[in-house]
Amino acid sequence: MTTITVAVAGASGYAGGEVLRLLLSHPQVRIGALTAASSAGTALGAHQPHLVPLADRVLQPTTAETLAGHDVVFLGLPHGQSGAIAAELGDDVLVIDCGADHRLRSADDWTEFYGGEHAGTWPYGLPELIVGAGHQRDALGGVDRIAVPGCNVTAITLGIQPAVAAGLVEATDLVAVLANGYSGAGKAPKPHLMASEGLGAASPYGVGGTHRHVPEIMQNLRLAGADEVTISFTPTLVPMARGILATTTARLAAGVDLEAVRAAYRAAYDDEPFVHLLPEGQWPTTAATLGANTAQIQVAIDRRVGRLVVVSAIDNLVKGTAGGAIQSMNLALGLPETTGLSTIGTAP
């Protein structure tokens, strides 16, 4: 069995820590350099005490020299910082960006929603994304660069894409409202992320089409078959550490009933190891996906208004970030897609 050496930049953050937690269960991975910015020189255990096997490892500065010499490098860096470090790493290493720098195809979209210069577009790390008659996994074998999707993007895309691809809904009339765990907002100490502010409260953010994930959602659904996409997307922080519950609605095409909808979703996901259409009457919960690389999905039709309602649940740090990244790594390296990834949640 071949051993894969992996370095993780941004190991003190949520994304980097979750990548490490999952990699510790990967049978072919040996964890190499761990790097950070302001935390460099400190022990990983001071920041990720749950990662007991790695607690004594000292974080090194994030430089190309430190990250070089590994088979795979995961970048868990703030948006706008991955491009420069990736440019210094050769094409003999698989670089997986858990940030946003390389997700978007449009430089204009990057400038509008993120600002600054676009770092370029990498192969997109959502294997289940419907692309024409195939899936994005078909484009991941043997690549040396992967851009991991945004967590909200993953929840919405997996929820609504079968209906879009099958022409069952009008993609110009999409509405998505999400309940999000606080880890999705990052680890930086900001007043609105403090327990005294968040406990017992729900608060929206990125309202009115300003959230940075909007162009990425639209990009995905166009790949899934929509000629044009219009979506109103509102995420809401709720008092839980992790998880996303996404409710996406769309106007139904004429003559579409629930049987046709469920048939389209079964066709899309019955063979997917990590995406599960639940039996009728059973609804997704974030608790059932915690710690697992799974997405739970349920569909219904609101006949009074002629709309499809799709509810999807994921763990934002696993299927929404680190799990999806490792799933894509497996594909790029020619390993079984499910290697090192669990579908078993931690509920209750």
Protein backbone atom coordinates (compact mmCIF):
# COMPACT_ATOMS: atom_id res chain seq x y z
CA MET A 1 0.00 0.00 0.00
CA THR A 2 1.49 3.32 -1.10
CA THR A 3 1.98 5.94 1.61
CA ILE A 4 0.89 9.49 0.75
CA THR A 5 2.65 12.34 2.54
CA VAL A 6 0.40 15.30 3.32
CA ALA A 7 1.11 18.81 4.57
CA VAL A 8 -1.61 21.10 5.95
CA ALA A 9 -1.32 24.89 5.87
CA GLY A 10 -3.59 26.72 8.27
CA ALA A 11 -3.61 23.77 10.66
CA SER A 12 -4.74 25.87 13.63
CA GLY A 13 -8.03 26.87 11.95
CA TYR A 14 -11.34 25.05 11.66
CA ALA A 15 -10.83 23.82 8.09
CA GLY A 16 -7.24 22.73 8.68
CA GLY A 17 -8.16 21.01 11.92
CA GLU A 18 -10.98 19.09 10.31
CA VAL A 19 -8.75 18.01 7.43
CA LEU A 20 -6.32 16.64 10.01
CA ARG A 21 -9.04 14.86 11.99
CA LEU A 22 -10.17 13.01 8.88
CA LEU A 23 -6.66 12.33 7.60
CA LEU A 24 -5.82 10.57 10.87
CA SER A 25 -8.29 7.86 9.79
CA HIS A 26 -7.00 7.61 6.21
CA PRO A 27 -5.12 4.31 5.83
CA GLN A 28 -2.65 5.59 3.24
CA VAL A 29 -1.77 9.02 4.64
CA ARG A 30 1.26 10.09 6.64
CA ILE A 31 0.89 13.61 8.02
CA GLY A 32 3.91 15.80 7.42
CA ALA A 33 4.38 19.53 7.91
CA LEU A 34 1.74 21.53 9.78
CA THR A 35 1.88 25.28 9.30
CA ALA A 36 0.18 28.44 10.53
CA ALA A 37 0.62 32.20 10.50
CA SER A 38 0.37 33.93 13.88
CA SER A 39 0.29 30.55 15.65
CA ALA A 40 3.61 29.39 14.20
CA GLY A 41 5.98 28.16 16.90
CA THR A 42 3.22 26.84 19.16
CA ALA A 43 2.04 23.27 19.64
CA LEU A 44 -0.95 22.12 17.60
CA GLY A 45 -2.57 20.85 20.79
CA ALA A 46 -2.95 24.43 22.04
CA HIS A 47 -5.33 25.08 19.14
CA GLN A 48 -6.73 21.62 18.29
CA PRO A 49 -6.73 19.73 21.64
CA HIS A 50 -9.02 17.04 20.20
CA LEU A 51 -6.29 15.95 17.77
CA VAL A 52 -4.47 13.95 20.45
CA PRO A 53 -2.06 12.04 18.15
CA LEU A 54 -0.76 15.36 16.77
CA ALA A 55 -0.96 17.50 19.92
CA ASP A 56 2.82 17.80 20.38
CA ARG A 57 3.55 18.77 16.79
CA VAL A 58 4.92 22.32 16.50
CA LEU A 59 3.34 24.57 13.88
CA GLN A 60 5.79 25.95 11.34
CA PRO A 61 5.50 29.16 9.30
CA THR A 62 3.52 28.82 6.07
CA THR A 63 6.15 28.95 3.35
CA ALA A 64 6.60 27.12 0.09
CA GLU A 65 9.84 25.67 1.45
CA THR A 66 8.05 24.10 4.41
CA LEU A 67 5.24 22.69 2.27
CA ALA A 68 7.51 21.36 -0.49
CA GLY A 69 8.43 17.69 -0.68
CA HIS A 70 4.94 16.33 0.11
CA ASP A 71 2.62 14.44 -2.21
CA VAL A 72 -0.39 16.53 -1.21
CA VAL A 73 -0.75 20.01 0.31
CA PHE A 74 -4.03 21.22 1.79
CA LEU A 75 -4.42 25.00 2.04
CA GLY A 76 -6.77 26.09 4.83
CA LEU A 77 -5.94 29.77 4.44
CA PRO A 78 -8.06 32.94 4.47
CA HIS A 79 -9.54 33.97 1.15
CA GLY A 80 -7.03 35.74 -1.05
CA GLN A 81 -3.96 34.02 0.43
CA SER A 82 -3.88 30.66 -1.36
CA GLY A 83 -2.97 31.89 -4.81
CA ALA A 84 0.47 33.24 -3.93
CA ILE A 85 1.65 30.19 -1.98
CA ALA A 86 0.22 27.76 -4.56
CA ALA A 87 2.10 29.55 -7.34
CA GLU A 88 5.36 28.62 -5.60
CA LEU A 89 4.51 24.90 -5.44
CA GLY A 90 5.35 22.77 -8.46
CA ASP A 91 3.10 20.56 -10.54
CA ASP A 92 4.61 17.49 -8.87
CA VAL A 93 2.40 18.06 -5.83
CA LEU A 94 -1.39 17.90 -5.54
CA VAL A 95 -2.53 21.20 -4.03
CA ILE A 96 -6.05 21.35 -2.57
CA ASP A 97 -7.38 24.81 -1.77
CA CYS A 98 -10.08 24.82 0.93
CA GLY A 99 -10.50 28.57 0.44
CA ALA A 100 -12.26 30.47 -2.31
CA ASP A 101 -9.33 31.65 -4.41
CA HIS A 102 -9.72 29.17 -7.28
CA ARG A 103 -13.42 28.21 -7.28
CA LEU A 104 -14.84 30.78 -9.67
CA ARG A 105 -14.47 30.65 -13.45
CA SER A 106 -15.25 34.33 -13.90
CA ALA A 107 -12.61 36.89 -12.95
CA ASP A 108 -15.36 39.54 -12.96
CA ASP A 109 -17.34 37.56 -10.37
CA TRP A 110 -14.22 37.28 -8.21
CA THR A 111 -13.58 41.01 -8.37
CA GLU A 112 -17.22 41.86 -7.58
CA PHE A 113 -17.64 39.51 -4.60
CA TYR A 114 -14.10 39.19 -3.21
CA GLY A 115 -12.09 42.09 -4.62
CA GLY A 116 -8.53 42.05 -5.86
CA GLU A 117 -7.00 40.01 -8.65
CA HIS A 118 -8.40 36.60 -9.56
CA ALA A 119 -5.84 33.83 -8.92
CA GLY A 120 -7.21 31.58 -11.67
CA THR A 121 -9.58 28.63 -11.89
CA TRP A 122 -8.76 25.10 -10.71
CA PRO A 123 -10.64 21.80 -11.19
CA TYR A 124 -13.68 21.96 -8.94
CA GLY A 125 -13.85 19.56 -6.02
CA LEU A 126 -17.51 18.58 -5.90
CA PRO A 127 -17.50 15.05 -7.36
CA GLU A 128 -21.31 14.76 -7.37
CA LEU A 129 -21.83 17.95 -9.38
CA ILE A 130 -23.85 17.13 -12.50
CA VAL A 131 -21.99 18.27 -15.62
CA GLY A 132 -23.74 17.48 -18.87
CA ALA A 133 -24.30 13.73 -19.08
CA GLY A 134 -21.62 13.03 -16.46
CA HIS A 135 -20.30 14.31 -13.15
CA GLN A 136 -17.45 16.47 -11.96
CA ARG A 137 -15.64 13.39 -10.59
CA ASP A 138 -14.87 12.52 -14.21
CA ALA A 139 -12.63 15.61 -14.38
CA LEU A 140 -10.70 14.98 -11.14
CA GLY A 141 -8.62 11.92 -11.99
CA GLY A 142 -4.91 12.78 -12.16
CA VAL A 143 -5.26 16.55 -11.58
CA ASP A 144 -2.64 18.44 -9.57
CA ARG A 145 -4.87 21.27 -8.36
CA ILE A 146 -8.34 21.16 -6.74
CA ALA A 147 -10.61 23.99 -5.57
CA VAL A 148 -12.89 22.91 -2.73
CA PRO A 149 -16.47 24.32 -2.93
CA GLY A 150 -17.99 26.66 -0.39
CA CYS A 151 -20.00 24.86 2.29
CA ASN A 152 -23.26 26.69 1.56
CA VAL A 153 -22.70 26.04 -2.12
CA THR A 154 -22.40 22.31 -1.50
CA ALA A 155 -25.63 22.19 0.52
CA ILE A 156 -27.66 24.13 -2.06
CA THR A 157 -26.14 22.52 -5.15
CA LEU A 158 -26.68 18.95 -3.94
CA GLY A 159 -30.20 19.89 -2.91
CA ILE A 160 -31.53 21.44 -6.09
CA GLN A 161 -29.32 20.23 -8.98
CA PRO A 162 -31.27 17.03 -9.82
CA ALA A 163 -34.42 19.08 -10.38
CA VAL A 164 -32.52 21.65 -12.45
CA ALA A 165 -30.77 19.00 -14.55
CA ALA A 166 -34.04 17.19 -15.25
CA GLY A 167 -35.84 20.42 -16.22
CA LEU A 168 -38.40 20.02 -13.43
CA VAL A 169 -38.08 23.58 -12.10
CA GLU A 170 -37.52 27.11 -13.31
CA ALA A 171 -33.93 27.92 -12.41
CA THR A 172 -34.69 31.62 -12.70
CA ASP A 173 -36.91 31.46 -9.60
CA LEU A 174 -34.83 29.89 -6.81
CA VAL A 175 -34.97 30.85 -3.14
CA ALA A 176 -32.62 29.34 -0.53
CA VAL A 177 -32.67 30.00 3.21
CA LEU A 178 -30.02 28.31 5.35
CA ALA A 179 -29.49 27.69 9.04
CA ASN A 180 -25.73 27.67 9.64
CA GLY A 181 -23.50 26.64 12.52
CA TYR A 182 -21.03 29.20 13.82
CA SER A 183 -17.93 27.31 12.67
CA GLY A 184 -18.84 28.34 9.13
CA ALA A 185 -17.98 31.91 10.08
CA GLY A 186 -14.38 30.98 10.92
CA LYS A 187 -12.29 31.05 14.07
CA ALA A 188 -11.44 34.75 14.26
CA PRO A 189 -12.54 36.38 17.55
CA LYS A 190 -15.26 38.76 16.41
CA PRO A 191 -17.91 40.25 18.73
CA HIS A 192 -20.89 38.81 16.88
CA LEU A 193 -19.36 35.31 17.10
CA MET A 194 -19.02 35.35 20.89
CA ALA A 195 -21.19 32.97 22.92
CA SER A 196 -22.77 35.92 24.74
CA GLU A 197 -24.01 37.24 21.40
CA GLY A 198 -24.84 33.98 19.64
CA LEU A 199 -26.46 31.78 22.28
CA GLY A 200 -30.23 32.06 22.14
CA ALA A 201 -30.08 34.13 18.95
CA ALA A 202 -30.46 33.61 15.21
CA SER A 203 -29.02 36.26 12.91
CA PRO A 204 -28.88 36.58 9.12
CA TYR A 205 -25.78 37.63 7.21
CA GLY A 206 -24.84 38.20 3.59
CA VAL A 207 -28.41 39.42 2.98
CA GLY A 208 -29.67 40.85 -0.30
CA GLY A 209 -27.50 38.92 -2.73
CA THR A 210 -24.22 40.04 -1.17
CA HIS A 211 -22.92 36.67 0.06
CA ARG A 212 -19.77 35.54 -1.70
CA HIS A 213 -21.20 32.11 -2.46
CA VAL A 214 -23.89 33.48 -4.80
CA PRO A 215 -21.84 33.40 -8.05
CA GLU A 216 -20.50 29.93 -7.22
CA ILE A 217 -24.02 28.53 -6.76
CA MET A 218 -25.06 30.04 -10.08
CA GLN A 219 -21.94 28.66 -11.77
CA ASN A 220 -22.73 25.14 -10.55
CA LEU A 221 -26.36 25.18 -11.63
CA ARG A 222 -25.46 26.40 -15.09
CA LEU A 223 -23.10 23.43 -15.35
CA ALA A 224 -25.98 21.22 -14.22
CA GLY A 225 -28.03 22.34 -17.20
CA ALA A 226 -29.69 25.68 -16.44
CA ASP A 227 -29.58 28.23 -19.24
CA GLU A 228 -29.96 31.04 -16.73
CA VAL A 229 -29.96 31.09 -12.93
CA THR A 230 -31.48 33.57 -10.52
CA ILE A 231 -31.30 32.80 -6.80
CA SER A 232 -32.17 34.66 -3.62
CA PHE A 233 -29.87 33.19 -0.95
CA THR A 234 -30.01 34.07 2.76
CA PRO A 235 -27.81 32.28 5.32
CA THR A 236 -28.62 32.56 9.03
CA LEU A 237 -26.34 31.86 11.98
CA VAL A 238 -28.08 29.70 14.58
CA PRO A 239 -26.70 28.57 17.96
CA MET A 240 -24.98 25.34 16.96
CA ALA A 241 -21.27 24.72 16.41
CA ARG A 242 -21.49 23.07 13.01
CA GLY A 243 -23.96 21.99 10.38
CA ILE A 244 -26.07 23.49 7.57
CA LEU A 245 -29.78 22.94 7.01
CA ALA A 246 -30.66 24.39 3.61
CA THR A 247 -34.24 24.89 2.40
CA THR A 248 -34.33 25.62 -1.31
CA THR A 249 -37.54 26.24 -3.24
CA ALA A 250 -38.20 26.60 -6.96
CA ARG A 251 -41.22 27.07 -9.19
CA LEU A 252 -42.23 23.76 -10.76
CA ALA A 253 -42.45 23.27 -14.49
CA ALA A 254 -45.92 22.49 -15.81
CA GLY A 255 -47.22 19.00 -15.10
CA VAL A 256 -44.48 17.95 -12.65
CA ASP A 257 -45.62 15.85 -9.69
CA LEU A 258 -43.85 14.39 -6.65
CA GLU A 259 -43.37 11.01 -8.31
CA ALA A 260 -41.40 12.63 -11.14
CA VAL A 261 -39.34 14.63 -8.67
CA ARG A 262 -38.43 11.61 -6.54
CA ALA A 263 -37.58 9.62 -9.66
CA ALA A 264 -35.14 12.34 -10.75
CA TYR A 265 -33.50 12.42 -7.32
CA ARG A 266 -33.21 8.65 -7.16
CA ALA A 267 -31.60 8.62 -10.59
CA ALA A 268 -29.15 11.28 -9.48
CA TYR A 269 -28.20 9.88 -6.09
CA ASP A 270 -28.99 6.18 -5.70
CA ASP A 271 -25.42 5.27 -6.66
CA GLU A 272 -23.76 8.10 -4.73
CA PRO A 273 -21.98 6.93 -1.57
CA PHE A 274 -22.32 10.21 0.30
CA VAL A 275 -25.66 11.72 -0.82
CA HIS A 276 -28.85 10.16 0.49
CA LEU A 277 -32.45 10.82 -0.54
CA LEU A 278 -34.46 9.99 2.56
CA PRO A 279 -37.66 7.92 2.53
CA GLU A 280 -40.86 9.92 2.19
CA GLY A 281 -41.90 11.53 5.45
CA GLN A 282 -38.39 11.55 6.96
CA TRP A 283 -36.65 14.91 7.09
CA PRO A 284 -32.95 15.78 7.18
CA THR A 285 -31.36 16.96 10.40
CA THR A 286 -27.94 18.45 10.90
CA ALA A 287 -27.35 16.14 13.88
CA ALA A 288 -27.50 13.05 11.64
CA THR A 289 -24.65 14.37 9.48
CA LEU A 290 -22.27 15.65 12.16
CA GLY A 291 -18.78 14.28 11.68
CA ALA A 292 -19.79 12.41 8.51
CA ASN A 293 -19.14 13.09 4.85
CA THR A 294 -22.83 12.79 4.06
CA ALA A 295 -25.63 14.91 2.68
CA GLN A 296 -29.24 14.09 3.58
CA ILE A 297 -31.96 15.29 1.21
CA GLN A 298 -35.74 15.32 1.19
CA VAL A 299 -38.21 16.77 -1.31
CA ALA A 300 -41.82 17.92 -1.17
CA ILE A 301 -44.24 19.87 -3.34
CA ASP A 302 -46.15 22.88 -2.05
CA ARG A 303 -49.13 22.54 -4.37
CA ARG A 304 -50.79 25.80 -3.32
CA VAL A 305 -47.95 27.84 -4.76
CA GLY A 306 -46.62 25.34 -7.31
CA ARG A 307 -43.16 25.10 -5.81
CA LEU A 308 -40.68 22.34 -5.14
CA VAL A 309 -39.27 22.37 -1.61
CA VAL A 310 -35.90 20.67 -1.05
CA VAL A 311 -34.30 20.35 2.38
CA SER A 312 -30.66 19.30 2.58
CA ALA A 313 -28.40 18.82 5.59
CA ILE A 314 -24.61 18.58 5.74
CA ASP A 315 -21.80 19.08 8.22
CA ASN A 316 -20.22 22.28 6.93
CA LEU A 317 -16.76 21.21 8.09
CA VAL A 318 -16.95 17.68 6.63
CA LYS A 319 -18.99 17.30 3.44
CA GLY A 320 -18.93 21.09 3.19
CA THR A 321 -15.13 21.39 3.40
CA ALA A 322 -12.61 18.80 4.65
CA GLY A 323 -14.50 15.64 3.72
CA GLY A 324 -15.23 16.89 0.23
CA ALA A 325 -11.56 17.85 -0.08
CA ILE A 326 -10.34 14.37 0.88
CA GLN A 327 -12.98 12.73 -1.34
CA SER A 328 -11.59 14.77 -4.24
CA MET A 329 -8.01 13.94 -3.23
CA ASN A 330 -8.85 10.25 -3.42
CA LEU A 331 -10.17 10.65 -6.94
CA ALA A 332 -7.17 12.68 -8.07
CA LEU A 333 -4.77 10.03 -6.74
CA GLY A 334 -6.69 7.08 -8.18
CA LEU A 335 -7.83 5.79 -4.78
CA PRO A 336 -11.34 4.52 -3.99
CA GLU A 337 -13.44 7.63 -3.51
CA THR A 338 -14.65 6.64 -0.05
CA THR A 339 -11.22 5.88 1.46
CA GLY A 340 -10.87 7.30 4.96
CA LEU A 341 -14.35 8.86 4.97
CA SER A 342 -17.27 7.82 7.15
CA THR A 343 -21.00 8.08 6.51
CA ILE A 344 -21.73 7.60 10.22
CA GLY A 345 -22.86 10.68 12.12
CA THR A 346 -22.56 11.41 15.85
CA ALA A 347 -26.20 12.14 16.77
CA PRO A 348 -27.55 12.82 19.32
